Amino acid sequence: MVTDTSFLRNPNVHQMSDTIETLDLPFFCAVVEGLADALGAV
């Protein structure tokens, strides 16, 4: 995990309602792209 604040962003984390539909995919992609840039993978 990059941060430990997922519970603040998504109240569905580790609940039965934790499904793909409850994720903020554009935000997720931005985080992954930022990590890739920071780690020099891109």
PDB file of N, CA and C in Angstrom:
ATOM      1  N   MET A   1       0.841  -1.171   0.000  1.00  0.00           N
ATOM      2  CA  MET A   1       0.000   0.000   0.000  1.00  0.00           C
ATOM      3  C   MET A   1       0.893   1.244   0.000  1.00  0.00           C
ATOM      4  N   VAL A   2       0.526   2.170  -0.814  1.00  0.00           N
ATOM      5  CA  VAL A   2       1.300   3.406  -0.891  1.00  0.00           C
ATOM      6  C   VAL A   2       1.020   4.275   0.328  1.00  0.00           C
ATOM      7  N   THR A   3      -0.235   4.327   0.739  1.00  0.00           N
ATOM      8  CA  THR A   3      -0.606   5.091   1.926  1.00  0.00           C
ATOM      9  C   THR A   3      -1.521   4.241   2.790  1.00  0.00           C
ATOM     10  N   ASP A   4      -1.787   4.685   3.978  1.00  0.00           N
ATOM     11  CA  ASP A   4      -2.715   3.965   4.858  1.00  0.00           C
ATOM     12  C   ASP A   4      -4.018   4.745   5.033  1.00  0.00           C
ATOM     13  N   THR A   5      -4.364   5.557   4.024  1.00  0.00           N
ATOM     14  CA  THR A   5      -5.566   6.382   4.120  1.00  0.00           C
ATOM     15  C   THR A   5      -6.702   5.875   3.237  1.00  0.00           C
ATOM     16  N   SER A   6      -6.613   4.647   2.770  1.00  0.00           N
ATOM     17  CA  SER A   6      -7.654   4.133   1.877  1.00  0.00           C
ATOM     18  C   SER A   6      -9.027   4.135   2.540  1.00  0.00           C
ATOM     19  N   PHE A   7      -9.070   3.931   3.845  1.00  0.00           N
ATOM     20  CA  PHE A   7     -10.348   3.922   4.559  1.00  0.00           C
ATOM     21  C   PHE A   7     -10.999   5.306   4.545  1.00  0.00           C
ATOM     22  N   LEU A   8     -10.185   6.353   4.438  1.00  0.00           N
ATOM     23  CA  LEU A   8     -10.732   7.707   4.383  1.00  0.00           C
ATOM     24  C   LEU A   8     -11.285   8.031   3.001  1.00  0.00           C
ATOM     25  N   ARG A   9     -10.690   7.441   1.961  1.00  0.00           N
ATOM     26  CA  ARG A   9     -11.133   7.701   0.588  1.00  0.00           C
ATOM     27  C   ARG A   9     -12.276   6.804   0.150  1.00  0.00           C
ATOM     28  N   ASN A  10     -12.317   5.574   0.658  1.00  0.00           N
ATOM     29  CA  ASN A  10     -13.329   4.615   0.230  1.00  0.00           C
ATOM     30  C   ASN A  10     -13.822   3.833   1.446  1.00  0.00           C
ATOM     31  N   PRO A  11     -15.025   4.124   1.919  1.00  0.00           N
ATOM     32  CA  PRO A  11     -15.550   3.437   3.111  1.00  0.00           C
ATOM     33  C   PRO A  11     -15.859   1.963   2.868  1.00  0.00           C
ATOM     34  N   ASN A  12     -15.715   1.490   1.627  1.00  0.00           N
ATOM     35  CA  ASN A  12     -16.012   0.099   1.290  1.00  0.00           C
ATOM     36  C   ASN A  12     -14.822  -0.838   1.463  1.00  0.00           C
ATOM     37  N   VAL A  13     -13.662  -0.304   1.776  1.00  0.00           N
ATOM     38  CA  VAL A  13     -12.454  -1.115   1.868  1.00  0.00           C
ATOM     39  C   VAL A  13     -12.654  -2.259   2.858  1.00  0.00           C
ATOM     40  N   HIS A  14     -12.377  -3.473   2.373  1.00  0.00           N
ATOM     41  CA  HIS A  14     -12.479  -4.706   3.165  1.00  0.00           C
ATOM     42  C   HIS A  14     -13.891  -4.992   3.678  1.00  0.00           C
ATOM     43  N   GLN A  15     -14.883  -4.493   2.960  1.00  0.00           N
ATOM     44  CA  GLN A  15     -16.279  -4.772   3.281  1.00  0.00           C
ATOM     45  C   GLN A  15     -16.867  -5.593   2.131  1.00  0.00           C
ATOM     46  N   MET A  16     -18.048  -6.154   2.331  1.00  0.00           N
ATOM     47  CA  MET A  16     -18.720  -6.882   1.257  1.00  0.00           C
ATOM     48  C   MET A  16     -19.004  -5.963   0.067  1.00  0.00           C
ATOM     49  N   SER A  17     -19.136  -4.681   0.316  1.00  0.00           N
ATOM     50  CA  SER A  17     -19.401  -3.708  -0.743  1.00  0.00           C
ATOM     51  C   SER A  17     -18.131  -3.257  -1.468  1.00  0.00           C
ATOM     52  N   ASP A  18     -16.988  -3.839  -1.133  1.00  0.00           N
ATOM     53  CA  ASP A  18     -15.709  -3.479  -1.751  1.00  0.00           C
ATOM     54  C   ASP A  18     -15.615  -4.173  -3.115  1.00  0.00           C
ATOM     55  N   THR A  19     -16.185  -3.524  -4.132  1.00  0.00           N
ATOM     56  CA  THR A  19     -16.211  -4.084  -5.484  1.00  0.00           C
ATOM     57  C   THR A  19     -15.554  -3.103  -6.448  1.00  0.00           C
ATOM     58  N   ILE A  20     -15.311  -3.567  -7.655  1.00  0.00           N
ATOM     59  CA  ILE A  20     -14.678  -2.724  -8.666  1.00  0.00           C
ATOM     60  C   ILE A  20     -15.494  -1.461  -8.928  1.00  0.00           C
ATOM     61  N   GLU A  21     -16.801  -1.564  -8.794  1.00  0.00           N
ATOM     62  CA  GLU A  21     -17.666  -0.414  -9.043  1.00  0.00           C
ATOM     63  C   GLU A  21     -17.479   0.705  -8.016  1.00  0.00           C
ATOM     64  N   THR A  22     -16.965   0.396  -6.840  1.00  0.00           N
ATOM     65  CA  THR A  22     -16.803   1.415  -5.804  1.00  0.00           C
ATOM     66  C   THR A  22     -15.430   2.093  -5.849  1.00  0.00           C
ATOM     67  N   LEU A  23     -14.574   1.662  -6.778  1.00  0.00           N
ATOM     68  CA  LEU A  23     -13.243   2.242  -6.884  1.00  0.00           C
ATOM     69  C   LEU A  23     -13.252   3.487  -7.759  1.00  0.00           C
ATOM     70  N   ASP A  24     -12.367   4.407  -7.442  1.00  0.00           N
ATOM     71  CA  ASP A  24     -12.165   5.606  -8.250  1.00  0.00           C
ATOM     72  C   ASP A  24     -11.020   5.282  -9.213  1.00  0.00           C
ATOM     73  N   LEU A  25     -11.364   4.666 -10.342  1.00  0.00           N
ATOM     74  CA  LEU A  25     -10.335   4.184 -11.257  1.00  0.00           C
ATOM     75  C   LEU A  25      -9.472   5.281 -11.861  1.00  0.00           C
ATOM     76  N   PRO A  26      -9.998   6.456 -12.214  1.00  0.00           N
ATOM     77  CA  PRO A  26      -9.109   7.515 -12.698  1.00  0.00           C
ATOM     78  C   PRO A  26      -8.062   7.920 -11.641  1.00  0.00           C
ATOM     79  N   PHE A  27      -8.480   7.985 -10.383  1.00  0.00           N
ATOM     80  CA  PHE A  27      -7.534   8.307  -9.308  1.00  0.00           C
ATOM     81  C   PHE A  27      -6.494   7.194  -9.163  1.00  0.00           C
ATOM     82  N   PHE A  28      -6.961   5.949  -9.212  1.00  0.00           N
ATOM     83  CA  PHE A  28      -6.064   4.797  -9.111  1.00  0.00           C
ATOM     84  C   PHE A  28      -5.008   4.849 -10.221  1.00  0.00           C
ATOM     85  N   CYS A  29      -5.447   5.127 -11.452  1.00  0.00           N
ATOM     86  CA  CYS A  29      -4.511   5.209 -12.575  1.00  0.00           C
ATOM     87  C   CYS A  29      -3.495   6.333 -12.373  1.00  0.00           C
ATOM     88  N   ALA A  30      -3.960   7.462 -11.869  1.00  0.00           N
ATOM     89  CA  ALA A  30      -3.056   8.584 -11.629  1.00  0.00           C
ATOM     90  C   ALA A  30      -2.004   8.231 -10.577  1.00  0.00           C
ATOM     91  N   VAL A  31      -2.403   7.507  -9.555  1.00  0.00           N
ATOM     92  CA  VAL A  31      -1.457   7.084  -8.516  1.00  0.00           C
ATOM     93  C   VAL A  31      -0.427   6.130  -9.104  1.00  0.00           C
ATOM     94  N   VAL A  32      -0.872   5.165  -9.890  1.00  0.00           N
ATOM     95  CA  VAL A  32       0.041   4.201 -10.504  1.00  0.00           C
ATOM     96  C   VAL A  32       1.011   4.909 -11.445  1.00  0.00           C
ATOM     97  N   GLU A  33       0.508   5.833 -12.253  1.00  0.00           N
ATOM     98  CA  GLU A  33       1.385   6.579 -13.155  1.00  0.00           C
ATOM     99  C   GLU A  33       2.396   7.426 -12.379  1.00  0.00           C
ATOM    100  N   GLY A  34       1.951   8.034 -11.294  1.00  0.00           N
ATOM    101  CA  GLY A  34       2.862   8.822 -10.465  1.00  0.00           C
ATOM    102  C   GLY A  34       3.940   7.973  -9.835  1.00  0.00           C
ATOM    103  N   LEU A  35       3.570   6.786  -9.361  1.00  0.00           N
ATOM    104  CA  LEU A  35       4.551   5.878  -8.780  1.00  0.00           C
ATOM    105  C   LEU A  35       5.547   5.412  -9.829  1.00  0.00           C
ATOM    106  N   ALA A  36       5.038   5.090 -11.015  1.00  0.00           N
ATOM    107  CA  ALA A  36       5.928   4.648 -12.086  1.00  0.00           C
ATOM    108  C   ALA A  36       6.937   5.746 -12.426  1.00  0.00           C
ATOM    109  N   ASP A  37       6.467   6.987 -12.508  1.00  0.00           N
ATOM    110  CA  ASP A  37       7.370   8.102 -12.768  1.00  0.00           C
ATOM    111  C   ASP A  37       8.385   8.264 -11.652  1.00  0.00           C
ATOM    112  N   ALA A  38       7.920   8.193 -10.423  1.00  0.00           N
ATOM    113  CA  ALA A  38       8.806   8.382  -9.267  1.00  0.00           C
ATOM    114  C   ALA A  38       9.856   7.281  -9.177  1.00  0.00           C
ATOM    115  N   LEU A  39       9.482   6.091  -9.588  1.00  0.00           N
ATOM    116  CA  LEU A  39      10.410   4.961  -9.512  1.00  0.00           C
ATOM    117  C   LEU A  39      11.247   4.812 -10.769  1.00  0.00           C
ATOM    118  N   GLY A  40      11.002   5.669 -11.743  1.00  0.00           N
ATOM    119  CA  GLY A  40      11.776   5.627 -12.980  1.00  0.00           C
ATOM    120  C   GLY A  40      11.401   4.491 -13.906  1.00  0.00           C
ATOM    121  N   ALA A  41      10.187   3.958 -13.764  1.00  0.00           N
ATOM    122  CA  ALA A  41       9.762   2.831 -14.582  1.00  0.00           C
ATOM    123  C   ALA A  41       9.226   3.257 -15.931  1.00  0.00           C
ATOM    124  N   VAL A  42       9.043   4.558 -16.117  1.00  0.00           N
ATOM    125  CA  VAL A  42       8.472   5.034 -17.388  1.00  0.00           C
ATOM    126  C   VAL A  42       9.519   5.808 -18.144  1.00  0.00           C
TER     127      VAL A  42
END
